[in-house]
Amino acid sequence: MGTRYTIDTIRALKRRFPQIRFVWLMGSDNLEQFARWRRWRQIARLVPIAVVRRPGSVLAPLHAPLARRMGVARHLGPAPSLVVLDGRRNWESSTALRELALGAAAEAMVNLTP
């Protein structure tokens, strides 16, 4: 999409797909530093945010500026809204998971080629 920052990507996606309700999904490890992101308050006003608890940062939602500012909802509503999802913890980074998915997709493409 030619964007550099999350805020620009969200705006571009919302312009291109106005009928879609986007949700920002992030790990609780990112929530701790979210207040340092470019225009983080605008991101929170544009899309509801769901935070998945990650190992080592389970208490992050209690201390994060976004959570202190907005509070944590029980259910995800329209923006601004923040909900924390709990479940089994995974130590793998999102980068590693994306690389694994991209590798599997590339392998599938090779297997389709005659």
PDB file of N, CA and C in Angstrom:
ATOM      1  N   MET A   1       0.812  -1.189   0.000  1.00  0.00           N
ATOM      2  CA  MET A   1       0.000   0.000   0.000  1.00  0.00           C
ATOM      3  C   MET A   1       0.864   1.265   0.000  1.00  0.00           C
ATOM      4  N   GLY A   2       2.170   1.079   0.119  1.00  0.00           N
ATOM      5  CA  GLY A   2       3.059   2.227   0.066  1.00  0.00           C
ATOM      6  C   GLY A   2       3.068   3.060   1.338  1.00  0.00           C
ATOM      7  N   THR A   3       2.646   2.488   2.458  1.00  0.00           N
ATOM      8  CA  THR A   3       2.619   3.236   3.715  1.00  0.00           C
ATOM      9  C   THR A   3       3.788   2.824   4.592  1.00  0.00           C
ATOM     10  N   ARG A   4       4.131   3.716   5.505  1.00  0.00           N
ATOM     11  CA  ARG A   4       5.255   3.439   6.401  1.00  0.00           C
ATOM     12  C   ARG A   4       4.795   3.201   7.834  1.00  0.00           C
ATOM     13  N   TYR A   5       3.793   3.928   8.260  1.00  0.00           N
ATOM     14  CA  TYR A   5       3.338   3.866   9.640  1.00  0.00           C
ATOM     15  C   TYR A   5       1.961   3.214   9.726  1.00  0.00           C
ATOM     16  N   THR A   6       1.690   2.615  10.865  1.00  0.00           N
ATOM     17  CA  THR A   6       0.414   1.942  11.099  1.00  0.00           C
ATOM     18  C   THR A   6      -0.763   2.873  10.854  1.00  0.00           C
ATOM     19  N   ILE A   7      -0.693   4.085  11.350  1.00  0.00           N
ATOM     20  CA  ILE A   7      -1.803   5.033  11.178  1.00  0.00           C
ATOM     21  C   ILE A   7      -2.110   5.256   9.702  1.00  0.00           C
ATOM     22  N   ASP A   8      -1.075   5.351   8.875  1.00  0.00           N
ATOM     23  CA  ASP A   8      -1.279   5.557   7.436  1.00  0.00           C
ATOM     24  C   ASP A   8      -1.867   4.314   6.781  1.00  0.00           C
ATOM     25  N   THR A   9      -1.438   3.144   7.217  1.00  0.00           N
ATOM     26  CA  THR A   9      -1.968   1.886   6.675  1.00  0.00           C
ATOM     27  C   THR A   9      -3.445   1.745   7.022  1.00  0.00           C
ATOM     28  N   ILE A  10      -3.796   2.045   8.264  1.00  0.00           N
ATOM     29  CA  ILE A  10      -5.201   1.947   8.684  1.00  0.00           C
ATOM     30  C   ILE A  10      -6.071   2.909   7.885  1.00  0.00           C
ATOM     31  N   ARG A  11      -5.618   4.127   7.731  1.00  0.00           N
ATOM     32  CA  ARG A  11      -6.394   5.097   6.946  1.00  0.00           C
ATOM     33  C   ARG A  11      -6.576   4.629   5.502  1.00  0.00           C
ATOM     34  N   ALA A  12      -5.494   4.116   4.902  1.00  0.00           N
ATOM     35  CA  ALA A  12      -5.576   3.640   3.515  1.00  0.00           C
ATOM     36  C   ALA A  12      -6.539   2.462   3.402  1.00  0.00           C
ATOM     37  N   LEU A  13      -6.481   1.535   4.339  1.00  0.00           N
ATOM     38  CA  LEU A  13      -7.381   0.381   4.309  1.00  0.00           C
ATOM     39  C   LEU A  13      -8.831   0.806   4.472  1.00  0.00           C
ATOM     40  N   LYS A  14      -9.082   1.725   5.383  1.00  0.00           N
ATOM     41  CA  LYS A  14     -10.455   2.189   5.599  1.00  0.00           C
ATOM     42  C   LYS A  14     -11.004   2.944   4.384  1.00  0.00           C
ATOM     43  N   ARG A  15     -10.127   3.671   3.685  1.00  0.00           N
ATOM     44  CA  ARG A  15     -10.561   4.348   2.448  1.00  0.00           C
ATOM     45  C   ARG A  15     -10.865   3.327   1.357  1.00  0.00           C
ATOM     46  N   ARG A  16     -10.002   2.342   1.238  1.00  0.00           N
ATOM     47  CA  ARG A  16     -10.160   1.362   0.167  1.00  0.00           C
ATOM     48  C   ARG A  16     -11.308   0.392   0.411  1.00  0.00           C
ATOM     49  N   PHE A  17     -11.550   0.064   1.676  1.00  0.00           N
ATOM     50  CA  PHE A  17     -12.593  -0.894   2.037  1.00  0.00           C
ATOM     51  C   PHE A  17     -13.522  -0.294   3.094  1.00  0.00           C
ATOM     52  N   PRO A  18     -14.307   0.705   2.727  1.00  0.00           N
ATOM     53  CA  PRO A  18     -15.144   1.397   3.720  1.00  0.00           C
ATOM     54  C   PRO A  18     -16.218   0.522   4.358  1.00  0.00           C
ATOM     55  N   GLN A  19     -16.576  -0.575   3.731  1.00  0.00           N
ATOM     56  CA  GLN A  19     -17.625  -1.449   4.254  1.00  0.00           C
ATOM     57  C   GLN A  19     -17.097  -2.447   5.288  1.00  0.00           C
ATOM     58  N   ILE A  20     -15.792  -2.536   5.444  1.00  0.00           N
ATOM     59  CA  ILE A  20     -15.176  -3.505   6.359  1.00  0.00           C
ATOM     60  C   ILE A  20     -14.954  -2.871   7.730  1.00  0.00           C
ATOM     61  N   ARG A  21     -15.256  -3.621   8.787  1.00  0.00           N
ATOM     62  CA  ARG A  21     -14.959  -3.184  10.159  1.00  0.00           C
ATOM     63  C   ARG A  21     -13.632  -3.810  10.566  1.00  0.00           C
ATOM     64  N   PHE A  22     -12.600  -3.020  10.558  1.00  0.00           N
ATOM     65  CA  PHE A  22     -11.279  -3.502  10.908  1.00  0.00           C
ATOM     66  C   PHE A  22     -11.093  -3.505  12.419  1.00  0.00           C
ATOM     67  N   VAL A  23     -10.274  -4.457  12.898  1.00  0.00           N
ATOM     68  CA  VAL A  23      -9.883  -4.541  14.301  1.00  0.00           C
ATOM     69  C   VAL A  23      -8.365  -4.657  14.327  1.00  0.00           C
ATOM     70  N   TRP A  24      -7.726  -3.860  15.174  1.00  0.00           N
ATOM     71  CA  TRP A  24      -6.271  -3.946  15.328  1.00  0.00           C
ATOM     72  C   TRP A  24      -5.982  -5.015  16.364  1.00  0.00           C
ATOM     73  N   LEU A  25      -5.204  -6.019  15.985  1.00  0.00           N
ATOM     74  CA  LEU A  25      -4.845  -7.124  16.865  1.00  0.00           C
ATOM     75  C   LEU A  25      -3.369  -7.017  17.178  1.00  0.00           C
ATOM     76  N   MET A  26      -3.045  -7.011  18.472  1.00  0.00           N
ATOM     77  CA  MET A  26      -1.636  -6.937  18.864  1.00  0.00           C
ATOM     78  C   MET A  26      -1.407  -7.760  20.121  1.00  0.00           C
ATOM     79  N   GLY A  27      -0.159  -8.129  20.325  1.00  0.00           N
ATOM     80  CA  GLY A  27       0.219  -8.834  21.538  1.00  0.00           C
ATOM     81  C   GLY A  27       0.407  -7.857  22.680  1.00  0.00           C
ATOM     82  N   SER A  28       0.251  -8.361  23.902  1.00  0.00           N
ATOM     83  CA  SER A  28       0.409  -7.496  25.069  1.00  0.00           C
ATOM     84  C   SER A  28       1.836  -6.972  25.195  1.00  0.00           C
ATOM     85  N   ASP A  29       2.803  -7.660  24.586  1.00  0.00           N
ATOM     86  CA  ASP A  29       4.171  -7.149  24.591  1.00  0.00           C
ATOM     87  C   ASP A  29       4.267  -5.850  23.790  1.00  0.00           C
ATOM     88  N   ASN A  30       3.485  -5.713  22.720  1.00  0.00           N
ATOM     89  CA  ASN A  30       3.453  -4.461  21.950  1.00  0.00           C
ATOM     90  C   ASN A  30       2.633  -3.381  22.645  1.00  0.00           C
ATOM     91  N   LEU A  31       1.657  -3.784  23.407  1.00  0.00           N
ATOM     92  CA  LEU A  31       0.828  -2.810  24.106  1.00  0.00           C
ATOM     93  C   LEU A  31       1.670  -1.961  25.057  1.00  0.00           C
ATOM     94  N   GLU A  32       2.684  -2.567  25.655  1.00  0.00           N
ATOM     95  CA  GLU A  32       3.548  -1.841  26.587  1.00  0.00           C
ATOM     96  C   GLU A  32       4.207  -0.637  25.921  1.00  0.00           C
ATOM     97  N   GLN A  33       4.536  -0.761  24.634  1.00  0.00           N
ATOM     98  CA  GLN A  33       5.222   0.327  23.930  1.00  0.00           C
ATOM     99  C   GLN A  33       4.326   1.072  22.947  1.00  0.00           C
ATOM    100  N   PHE A  34       3.054   0.750  22.912  1.00  0.00           N
ATOM    101  CA  PHE A  34       2.135   1.333  21.943  1.00  0.00           C
ATOM    102  C   PHE A  34       2.092   2.864  22.031  1.00  0.00           C
ATOM    103  N   ALA A  35       2.250   3.427  23.214  1.00  0.00           N
ATOM    104  CA  ALA A  35       2.195   4.887  23.389  1.00  0.00           C
ATOM    105  C   ALA A  35       3.374   5.592  22.716  1.00  0.00           C
ATOM    106  N   ARG A  36       4.359   4.830  22.255  1.00  0.00           N
ATOM    107  CA  ARG A  36       5.481   5.426  21.525  1.00  0.00           C
ATOM    108  C   ARG A  36       5.272   5.384  20.014  1.00  0.00           C
ATOM    109  N   TRP A  37       4.209   4.737  19.556  1.00  0.00           N
ATOM    110  CA  TRP A  37       3.922   4.651  18.127  1.00  0.00           C
ATOM    111  C   TRP A  37       3.449   6.007  17.629  1.00  0.00           C
ATOM    112  N   ARG A  38       3.695   6.256  16.363  1.00  0.00           N
ATOM    113  CA  ARG A  38       3.241   7.491  15.733  1.00  0.00           C
ATOM    114  C   ARG A  38       1.709   7.545  15.767  1.00  0.00           C
ATOM    115  N   ARG A  39       1.195   8.618  16.314  1.00  0.00           N
ATOM    116  CA  ARG A  39      -0.250   8.907  16.381  1.00  0.00           C
ATOM    117  C   ARG A  39      -1.081   7.760  16.981  1.00  0.00           C
ATOM    118  N   TRP A  40      -0.601   7.206  18.075  1.00  0.00           N
ATOM    119  CA  TRP A  40      -1.265   6.067  18.705  1.00  0.00           C
ATOM    120  C   TRP A  40      -2.683   6.396  19.159  1.00  0.00           C
ATOM    121  N   ARG A  41      -2.936   7.610  19.577  1.00  0.00           N
ATOM    122  CA  ARG A  41      -4.292   7.978  19.999  1.00  0.00           C
ATOM    123  C   ARG A  41      -5.254   7.955  18.815  1.00  0.00           C
ATOM    124  N   GLN A  42      -4.777   8.383  17.652  1.00  0.00           N
ATOM    125  CA  GLN A  42      -5.618   8.365  16.452  1.00  0.00           C
ATOM    126  C   GLN A  42      -5.906   6.926  16.018  1.00  0.00           C
ATOM    127  N   ILE A  43      -4.901   6.051  16.149  1.00  0.00           N
ATOM    128  CA  ILE A  43      -5.122   4.636  15.824  1.00  0.00           C
ATOM    129  C   ILE A  43      -6.270   4.112  16.677  1.00  0.00           C
ATOM    130  N   ALA A  44      -6.236   4.404  17.973  1.00  0.00           N
ATOM    131  CA  ALA A  44      -7.275   3.925  18.892  1.00  0.00           C
ATOM    132  C   ALA A  44      -8.644   4.513  18.574  1.00  0.00           C
ATOM    133  N   ARG A  45      -8.685   5.714  18.018  1.00  0.00           N
ATOM    134  CA  ARG A  45      -9.973   6.319  17.649  1.00  0.00           C
ATOM    135  C   ARG A  45     -10.519   5.744  16.343  1.00  0.00           C
ATOM    136  N   LEU A  46      -9.617   5.217  15.486  1.00  0.00           N
ATOM    137  CA  LEU A  46     -10.047   4.716  14.176  1.00  0.00           C
ATOM    138  C   LEU A  46     -10.492   3.259  14.180  1.00  0.00           C
ATOM    139  N   VAL A  47      -9.845   2.434  14.996  1.00  0.00           N
ATOM    140  CA  VAL A  47     -10.161   1.002  14.999  1.00  0.00           C
ATOM    141  C   VAL A  47     -10.209   0.471  16.429  1.00  0.00           C
ATOM    142  N   PRO A  48     -11.133  -0.450  16.697  1.00  0.00           N
ATOM    143  CA  PRO A  48     -11.107  -1.111  18.000  1.00  0.00           C
ATOM    144  C   PRO A  48      -9.825  -1.948  18.100  1.00  0.00           C
ATOM    145  N   ILE A  49      -9.329  -2.129  19.312  1.00  0.00           N
ATOM    146  CA  ILE A  49      -8.064  -2.828  19.517  1.00  0.00           C
ATOM    147  C   ILE A  49      -8.288  -4.045  20.401  1.00  0.00           C
ATOM    148  N   ALA A  50      -7.832  -5.199  19.915  1.00  0.00           N
ATOM    149  CA  ALA A  50      -7.862  -6.445  20.687  1.00  0.00           C
ATOM    150  C   ALA A  50      -6.420  -6.815  21.019  1.00  0.00           C
ATOM    151  N   VAL A  51      -6.162  -7.053  22.288  1.00  0.00           N
ATOM    152  CA  VAL A  51      -4.816  -7.381  22.758  1.00  0.00           C
ATOM    153  C   VAL A  51      -4.804  -8.829  23.227  1.00  0.00           C
ATOM    154  N   VAL A  52      -3.880  -9.604  22.691  1.00  0.00           N
ATOM    155  CA  VAL A  52      -3.708 -11.003  23.083  1.00  0.00           C
ATOM    156  C   VAL A  52      -2.594 -11.058  24.123  1.00  0.00           C
ATOM    157  N   ARG A  53      -2.890 -11.643  25.278  1.00  0.00           N
ATOM    158  CA  ARG A  53      -1.856 -11.744  26.314  1.00  0.00           C
ATOM    159  C   ARG A  53      -0.725 -12.632  25.827  1.00  0.00           C
ATOM    160  N   ARG A  54       0.508 -12.138  26.010  1.00  0.00           N
ATOM    161  CA  ARG A  54       1.707 -12.863  25.581  1.00  0.00           C
ATOM    162  C   ARG A  54       2.543 -13.204  26.808  1.00  0.00           C
ATOM    163  N   PRO A  55       3.295 -14.281  26.743  1.00  0.00           N
ATOM    164  CA  PRO A  55       4.163 -14.635  27.877  1.00  0.00           C
ATOM    165  C   PRO A  55       5.112 -13.478  28.196  1.00  0.00           C
ATOM    166  N   GLY A  56       5.307 -13.229  29.468  1.00  0.00           N
ATOM    167  CA  GLY A  56       6.231 -12.192  29.890  1.00  0.00           C
ATOM    168  C   GLY A  56       5.631 -10.803  29.951  1.00  0.00           C
ATOM    169  N   SER A  57       4.402 -10.638  29.455  1.00  0.00           N
ATOM    170  CA  SER A  57       3.783  -9.308  29.486  1.00  0.00           C
ATOM    171  C   SER A  57       2.296  -9.406  29.844  1.00  0.00           C
ATOM    172  N   VAL A  58       1.980 -10.381  30.673  1.00  0.00           N
ATOM    173  CA  VAL A  58       0.592 -10.630  31.032  1.00  0.00           C
ATOM    174  C   VAL A  58      -0.033  -9.433  31.748  1.00  0.00           C
ATOM    175  N   LEU A  59       0.758  -8.690  32.512  1.00  0.00           N
ATOM    176  CA  LEU A  59       0.226  -7.550  33.251  1.00  0.00           C
ATOM    177  C   LEU A  59       0.300  -6.235  32.480  1.00  0.00           C
ATOM    178  N   ALA A  60       0.805  -6.277  31.257  1.00  0.00           N
ATOM    179  CA  ALA A  60       0.958  -5.060  30.448  1.00  0.00           C
ATOM    180  C   ALA A  60      -0.329  -4.245  30.337  1.00  0.00           C
ATOM    181  N   PRO A  61      -1.489  -4.880  30.157  1.00  0.00           N
ATOM    182  CA  PRO A  61      -2.705  -4.072  30.031  1.00  0.00           C
ATOM    183  C   PRO A  61      -3.010  -3.222  31.262  1.00  0.00           C
ATOM    184  N   LEU A  62      -2.495  -3.603  32.410  1.00  0.00           N
ATOM    185  CA  LEU A  62      -2.744  -2.820  33.621  1.00  0.00           C
ATOM    186  C   LEU A  62      -1.942  -1.527  33.659  1.00  0.00           C
ATOM    187  N   HIS A  63      -0.778  -1.530  32.990  1.00  0.00           N
ATOM    188  CA  HIS A  63       0.148  -0.411  33.082  1.00  0.00           C
ATOM    189  C   HIS A  63       0.249   0.419  31.810  1.00  0.00           C
ATOM    190  N   ALA A  64      -0.239  -0.077  30.710  1.00  0.00           N
ATOM    191  CA  ALA A  64      -0.090   0.606  29.425  1.00  0.00           C
ATOM    192  C   ALA A  64      -0.888   1.915  29.407  1.00  0.00           C
ATOM    193  N   PRO A  65      -0.284   2.983  28.860  1.00  0.00           N
ATOM    194  CA  PRO A  65      -0.997   4.263  28.776  1.00  0.00           C
ATOM    195  C   PRO A  65      -2.346   4.159  28.062  1.00  0.00           C
ATOM    196  N   LEU A  66      -2.434   3.346  27.016  1.00  0.00           N
ATOM    197  CA  LEU A  66      -3.701   3.197  26.291  1.00  0.00           C
ATOM    198  C   LEU A  66      -4.773   2.623  27.209  1.00  0.00           C
ATOM    199  N   ALA A  67      -4.447   1.596  27.967  1.00  0.00           N
ATOM    200  CA  ALA A  67      -5.427   0.974  28.860  1.00  0.00           C
ATOM    201  C   ALA A  67      -5.818   1.919  29.998  1.00  0.00           C
ATOM    202  N   ARG A  68      -4.855   2.656  30.513  1.00  0.00           N
ATOM    203  CA  ARG A  68      -5.169   3.621  31.575  1.00  0.00           C
ATOM    204  C   ARG A  68      -6.058   4.735  31.047  1.00  0.00           C
ATOM    205  N   ARG A  69      -5.846   5.113  29.797  1.00  0.00           N
ATOM    206  CA  ARG A  69      -6.608   6.214  29.191  1.00  0.00           C
ATOM    207  C   ARG A  69      -8.027   5.776  28.828  1.00  0.00           C
ATOM    208  N   MET A  70      -8.172   4.585  28.248  1.00  0.00           N
ATOM    209  CA  MET A  70      -9.462   4.128  27.718  1.00  0.00           C
ATOM    210  C   MET A  70     -10.199   3.176  28.644  1.00  0.00           C
ATOM    211  N   GLY A  71      -9.453   2.437  29.448  1.00  0.00           N
ATOM    212  CA  GLY A  71     -10.051   1.346  30.197  1.00  0.00           C
ATOM    213  C   GLY A  71     -10.119   0.115  29.314  1.00  0.00           C
ATOM    214  N   VAL A  72     -10.368  -1.018  29.916  1.00  0.00           N
ATOM    215  CA  VAL A  72     -10.453  -2.281  29.185  1.00  0.00           C
ATOM    216  C   VAL A  72     -11.900  -2.749  29.213  1.00  0.00           C
ATOM    217  N   ALA A  73     -12.450  -3.004  28.044  1.00  0.00           N
ATOM    218  CA  ALA A  73     -13.846  -3.431  27.923  1.00  0.00           C
ATOM    219  C   ALA A  73     -13.958  -4.948  28.072  1.00  0.00           C
ATOM    220  N   ARG A  74     -15.147  -5.411  28.384  1.00  0.00           N
ATOM    221  CA  ARG A  74     -15.396  -6.856  28.447  1.00  0.00           C
ATOM    222  C   ARG A  74     -15.624  -7.429  27.048  1.00  0.00           C
ATOM    223  N   HIS A  75     -16.194  -6.601  26.168  1.00  0.00           N
ATOM    224  CA  HIS A  75     -16.482  -7.008  24.798  1.00  0.00           C
ATOM    225  C   HIS A  75     -15.989  -5.920  23.857  1.00  0.00           C
ATOM    226  N   LEU A  76     -15.528  -6.331  22.704  1.00  0.00           N
ATOM    227  CA  LEU A  76     -15.025  -5.374  21.728  1.00  0.00           C
ATOM    228  C   LEU A  76     -16.183  -4.657  21.058  1.00  0.00           C
ATOM    229  N   GLY A  77     -16.175  -3.355  21.150  1.00  0.00           N
ATOM    230  CA  GLY A  77     -17.203  -2.540  20.525  1.00  0.00           C
ATOM    231  C   GLY A  77     -16.584  -1.687  19.434  1.00  0.00           C
ATOM    232  N   PRO A  78     -17.306  -0.696  18.974  1.00  0.00           N
ATOM    233  CA  PRO A  78     -16.741   0.217  17.971  1.00  0.00           C
ATOM    234  C   PRO A  78     -15.618   1.053  18.592  1.00  0.00           C
ATOM    235  N   ALA A  79     -14.764   1.581  17.758  1.00  0.00           N
ATOM    236  CA  ALA A  79     -13.640   2.401  18.240  1.00  0.00           C
ATOM    237  C   ALA A  79     -14.178   3.670  18.884  1.00  0.00           C
ATOM    238  N   PRO A  80     -13.553   4.159  19.910  1.00  0.00           N
ATOM    239  CA  PRO A  80     -12.410   3.570  20.597  1.00  0.00           C
ATOM    240  C   PRO A  80     -12.860   2.464  21.554  1.00  0.00           C
ATOM    241  N   SER A  81     -12.212   1.331  21.466  1.00  0.00           N
ATOM    242  CA  SER A  81     -12.523   0.189  22.310  1.00  0.00           C
ATOM    243  C   SER A  81     -11.275  -0.671  22.447  1.00  0.00           C
ATOM    244  N   LEU A  82     -11.023  -1.153  23.651  1.00  0.00           N
ATOM    245  CA  LEU A  82      -9.873  -2.004  23.932  1.00  0.00           C
ATOM    246  C   LEU A  82     -10.346  -3.210  24.714  1.00  0.00           C
ATOM    247  N   VAL A  83     -10.024  -4.386  24.224  1.00  0.00           N
ATOM    248  CA  VAL A  83     -10.360  -5.622  24.922  1.00  0.00           C
ATOM    249  C   VAL A  83      -9.093  -6.468  25.006  1.00  0.00           C
ATOM    250  N   VAL A  84      -8.951  -7.197  26.108  1.00  0.00           N
ATOM    251  CA  VAL A  84      -7.792  -8.074  26.306  1.00  0.00           C
ATOM    252  C   VAL A  84      -8.283  -9.510  26.223  1.00  0.00           C
ATOM    253  N   LEU A  85      -7.662 -10.283  25.331  1.00  0.00           N
ATOM    254  CA  LEU A  85      -8.028 -11.679  25.119  1.00  0.00           C
ATOM    255  C   LEU A  85      -7.052 -12.565  25.872  1.00  0.00           C
ATOM    256  N   ASP A  86      -7.583 -13.540  26.561  1.00  0.00           N
ATOM    257  CA  ASP A  86      -6.738 -14.455  27.321  1.00  0.00           C
ATOM    258  C   ASP A  86      -6.840 -15.848  26.722  1.00  0.00           C
ATOM    259  N   GLY A  87      -5.821 -16.616  26.886  1.00  0.00           N
ATOM    260  CA  GLY A  87      -5.818 -17.974  26.359  1.00  0.00           C
ATOM    261  C   GLY A  87      -4.435 -18.582  26.516  1.00  0.00           C
ATOM    262  N   ARG A  88      -4.215 -19.652  25.823  1.00  0.00           N
ATOM    263  CA  ARG A  88      -2.917 -20.322  25.886  1.00  0.00           C
ATOM    264  C   ARG A  88      -1.836 -19.392  25.357  1.00  0.00           C
ATOM    265  N   ARG A  89      -0.738 -19.297  26.058  1.00  0.00           N
ATOM    266  CA  ARG A  89       0.359 -18.401  25.668  1.00  0.00           C
ATOM    267  C   ARG A  89       1.270 -19.069  24.644  1.00  0.00           C
ATOM    268  N   ASN A  90       1.770 -18.281  23.710  1.00  0.00           N
ATOM    269  CA  ASN A  90       2.686 -18.773  22.676  1.00  0.00           C
ATOM    270  C   ASN A  90       3.924 -17.886  22.712  1.00  0.00           C
ATOM    271  N   TRP A  91       5.097 -18.502  22.839  1.00  0.00           N
ATOM    272  CA  TRP A  91       6.350 -17.746  22.930  1.00  0.00           C
ATOM    273  C   TRP A  91       6.867 -17.300  21.567  1.00  0.00           C
ATOM    274  N   GLU A  92       6.323 -17.844  20.480  1.00  0.00           N
ATOM    275  CA  GLU A  92       6.837 -17.475  19.153  1.00  0.00           C
ATOM    276  C   GLU A  92       6.468 -16.037  18.810  1.00  0.00           C
ATOM    277  N   SER A  93       7.398 -15.362  18.163  1.00  0.00           N
ATOM    278  CA  SER A  93       7.144 -13.984  17.762  1.00  0.00           C
ATOM    279  C   SER A  93       6.216 -13.958  16.543  1.00  0.00           C
ATOM    280  N   SER A  94       5.514 -12.845  16.373  1.00  0.00           N
ATOM    281  CA  SER A  94       4.637 -12.713  15.205  1.00  0.00           C
ATOM    282  C   SER A  94       5.469 -12.736  13.925  1.00  0.00           C
ATOM    283  N   THR A  95       6.688 -12.203  13.984  1.00  0.00           N
ATOM    284  CA  THR A  95       7.579 -12.224  12.813  1.00  0.00           C
ATOM    285  C   THR A  95       7.875 -13.662  12.408  1.00  0.00           C
ATOM    286  N   ALA A  96       8.196 -14.510  13.378  1.00  0.00           N
ATOM    287  CA  ALA A  96       8.489 -15.917  13.087  1.00  0.00           C
ATOM    288  C   ALA A  96       7.258 -16.625  12.527  1.00  0.00           C
ATOM    289  N   LEU A  97       6.086 -16.329  13.069  1.00  0.00           N
ATOM    290  CA  LEU A  97       4.859 -16.954  12.578  1.00  0.00           C
ATOM    291  C   LEU A  97       4.547 -16.522  11.149  1.00  0.00           C
ATOM    292  N   ARG A  98       4.760 -15.219  10.842  1.00  0.00           N
ATOM    293  CA  ARG A  98       4.541 -14.737   9.469  1.00  0.00           C
ATOM    294  C   ARG A  98       5.504 -15.414   8.506  1.00  0.00           C
ATOM    295  N   GLU A  99       6.778 -15.531   8.894  1.00  0.00           N
ATOM    296  CA  GLU A  99       7.765 -16.175   8.029  1.00  0.00           C
ATOM    297  C   GLU A  99       7.400 -17.633   7.778  1.00  0.00           C
ATOM    298  N   LEU A 100       6.913 -18.312   8.812  1.00  0.00           N
ATOM    299  CA  LEU A 100       6.480 -19.704   8.665  1.00  0.00           C
ATOM    300  C   LEU A 100       5.307 -19.795   7.688  1.00  0.00           C
ATOM    301  N   ALA A 101       4.341 -18.885   7.827  1.00  0.00           N
ATOM    302  CA  ALA A 101       3.181 -18.880   6.931  1.00  0.00           C
ATOM    303  C   ALA A 101       3.585 -18.557   5.501  1.00  0.00           C
ATOM    304  N   LEU A 102       4.487 -17.589   5.331  1.00  0.00           N
ATOM    305  CA  LEU A 102       4.942 -17.233   3.986  1.00  0.00           C
ATOM    306  C   LEU A 102       5.714 -18.378   3.351  1.00  0.00           C
ATOM    307  N   GLY A 103       6.511 -19.068   4.152  1.00  0.00           N
ATOM    308  CA  GLY A 103       7.253 -20.220   3.637  1.00  0.00           C
ATOM    309  C   GLY A 103       6.320 -21.329   3.189  1.00  0.00           C
ATOM    310  N   ALA A 104       5.278 -21.589   3.973  1.00  0.00           N
ATOM    311  CA  ALA A 104       4.297 -22.618   3.607  1.00  0.00           C
ATOM    312  C   ALA A 104       3.542 -22.232   2.347  1.00  0.00           C
ATOM    313  N   ALA A 105       3.199 -20.945   2.232  1.00  0.00           N
ATOM    314  CA  ALA A 105       2.485 -20.478   1.031  1.00  0.00           C
ATOM    315  C   ALA A 105       3.380 -20.607  -0.199  1.00  0.00           C
ATOM    316  N   ALA A 106       4.642 -20.252  -0.062  1.00  0.00           N
ATOM    317  CA  ALA A 106       5.576 -20.363  -1.200  1.00  0.00           C
ATOM    318  C   ALA A 106       5.758 -21.808  -1.607  1.00  0.00           C
ATOM    319  N   GLU A 107       5.845 -22.693  -0.628  1.00  0.00           N
ATOM    320  CA  GLU A 107       5.994 -24.131  -0.931  1.00  0.00           C
ATOM    321  C   GLU A 107       4.754 -24.658  -1.652  1.00  0.00           C
ATOM    322  N   ALA A 108       3.583 -24.215  -1.230  1.00  0.00           N
ATOM    323  CA  ALA A 108       2.338 -24.631  -1.878  1.00  0.00           C
ATOM    324  C   ALA A 108       2.308 -24.152  -3.324  1.00  0.00           C
ATOM    325  N   MET A 109       2.791 -22.940  -3.577  1.00  0.00           N
ATOM    326  CA  MET A 109       2.833 -22.404  -4.939  1.00  0.00           C
ATOM    327  C   MET A 109       3.766 -23.235  -5.809  1.00  0.00           C
ATOM    328  N   VAL A 110       4.909 -23.636  -5.263  1.00  0.00           N
ATOM    329  CA  VAL A 110       5.865 -24.456  -6.015  1.00  0.00           C
ATOM    330  C   VAL A 110       5.235 -25.798  -6.354  1.00  0.00           C
ATOM    331  N   ASN A 111       4.501 -26.369  -5.421  1.00  0.00           N
ATOM    332  CA  ASN A 111       3.859 -27.669  -5.664  1.00  0.00           C
ATOM    333  C   ASN A 111       2.745 -27.597  -6.688  1.00  0.00           C
ATOM    334  N   LEU A 112       2.178 -26.411  -6.926  1.00  0.00           N
ATOM    335  CA  LEU A 112       1.141 -26.254  -7.941  1.00  0.00           C
ATOM    336  C   LEU A 112       1.710 -26.074  -9.336  1.00  0.00           C
ATOM    337  N   THR A 113       2.974 -25.694  -9.406  1.00  0.00           N
ATOM    338  CA  THR A 113       3.602 -25.450 -10.692  1.00  0.00           C
ATOM    339  C   THR A 113       3.925 -26.786 -11.364  1.00  0.00           C
ATOM    340  N   PRO A 114       3.542 -26.963 -12.654  1.00  0.00           N
ATOM    341  CA  PRO A 114       3.774 -28.260 -13.331  1.00  0.00           C
ATOM    342  C   PRO A 114       5.239 -28.504 -13.587  1.00  0.00           C
TER     343      PRO A 114
END
